[in-house]
Protein backbone atom coordinates (compact mmCIF):
# COMPACT_ATOMS: atom_id res chain seq x y z
CA UNK A 1 83.08 92.88 100.17
CA UNK A 2 82.66 96.65 100.47
CA UNK A 3 81.55 98.77 97.56
CA UNK A 4 84.09 101.33 96.41
CA UNK A 5 82.49 104.65 95.47
CA UNK A 6 83.64 108.23 94.98
CA UNK A 7 82.72 111.24 97.08
CA UNK A 8 80.66 112.51 94.14
CA UNK A 9 78.66 109.26 94.10
CA UNK A 10 78.01 109.64 97.84
CA UNK A 11 76.65 113.13 97.29
CA UNK A 12 74.47 111.98 94.40
CA UNK A 13 73.09 108.84 96.00
CA UNK A 14 73.12 109.29 99.79
CA UNK A 15 69.49 108.10 99.97
CA UNK A 16 70.30 104.81 98.29
CA UNK A 17 73.37 104.37 100.48
CA UNK A 18 71.41 104.97 103.67
CA UNK A 19 68.78 102.45 102.53
CA UNK A 20 71.36 99.74 101.78
CA UNK A 21 73.93 100.36 104.53
CA UNK A 22 72.47 97.56 106.67
CA UNK A 23 73.49 95.02 104.01
CA UNK A 24 76.51 96.69 102.43
CA UNK A 25 79.54 98.68 103.47
CA UNK A 26 81.28 101.37 101.47
CA UNK A 27 84.79 102.69 100.99
CA UNK A 28 84.62 106.26 99.77
CA UNK A 29 87.48 107.52 97.62
CA UNK A 30 88.59 110.97 96.58
CA UNK A 31 90.93 111.19 93.57
CA UNK A 32 91.63 107.47 93.82
CA UNK A 33 92.61 107.45 97.51
CA UNK A 34 90.48 105.92 100.24
CA UNK A 35 89.08 108.59 102.57
CA UNK A 36 86.05 107.19 104.42
CA UNK A 37 84.70 103.82 105.45
CA UNK A 38 80.94 103.64 105.84
CA UNK A 39 79.77 100.68 107.92
CA UNK A 40 76.38 99.56 109.21
CA UNK A 41 75.69 100.37 112.85
CA UNK A 42 74.54 97.69 115.26
CA UNK A 43 73.73 97.81 118.94
CA UNK A 44 76.88 97.21 120.98
CA UNK A 45 79.47 98.08 118.33
CA UNK A 46 80.68 101.13 120.26
CA UNK A 47 83.65 99.31 121.79
CA UNK A 48 84.70 97.96 118.39
CA UNK A 49 84.52 101.45 116.88
CA UNK A 50 86.54 102.86 119.79
CA UNK A 51 89.21 100.17 119.23
CA UNK A 52 89.35 101.04 115.53
CA UNK A 53 89.74 104.75 116.28
CA UNK A 54 92.57 103.97 118.71
CA UNK A 55 94.29 101.84 116.04
CA UNK A 56 93.81 104.65 113.51
CA UNK A 57 95.34 107.18 115.89
CA UNK A 58 98.35 104.93 116.57
CA UNK A 59 98.88 104.30 112.84
CA UNK A 60 98.65 108.02 112.13
CA UNK A 61 101.25 108.80 114.82
CA UNK A 62 103.43 105.69 114.36
CA UNK A 63 106.65 107.58 113.66
CA UNK A 64 106.35 109.73 116.79
CA UNK A 65 105.37 106.75 118.94
CA UNK A 66 108.31 104.66 117.67
CA UNK A 67 110.74 107.48 118.47
CA UNK A 68 109.31 107.95 121.96
CA UNK A 69 109.39 104.28 122.89
CA UNK A 70 112.75 103.64 121.23
CA UNK A 71 114.22 106.27 123.53
CA UNK A 72 112.52 104.60 126.48
CA UNK A 73 113.81 101.15 125.50
CA UNK A 74 117.37 102.48 125.16
CA UNK A 75 117.29 103.94 128.67
CA UNK A 76 117.46 100.45 130.17
CA UNK A 77 115.48 98.65 132.83
CA UNK A 78 113.53 100.59 135.36
CA UNK A 79 113.77 100.06 139.12
CA UNK A 80 109.97 100.34 139.37
CA UNK A 81 108.41 97.23 140.91
CA UNK A 82 104.67 96.67 140.95
C-alpha cells in the first residue's frame, strides 16, 4: 500500500523518502489531489514505465482520441487489405 504524503512533506523529508523508496511507494498530493507517484526503480522496469506513460498520455487525451476514432469508425470499412 503506498504512503500518501503532501508536497510539503516531500520537501521536508526527501532524505527519508530516498532511503525507504526501495521498500515503500508514495503518492504525493497537493491540496488534496494526487500529483505524483514515487516508485522504487529496479533493473528492467523501463518497458513498464514506458507503458504507464503511454496509458497516461491516452487517458489525458481521451476526449480527442474518442472523437478522432469515432469519425474513423463512422466512415465505414476500408478497402485496404494487408
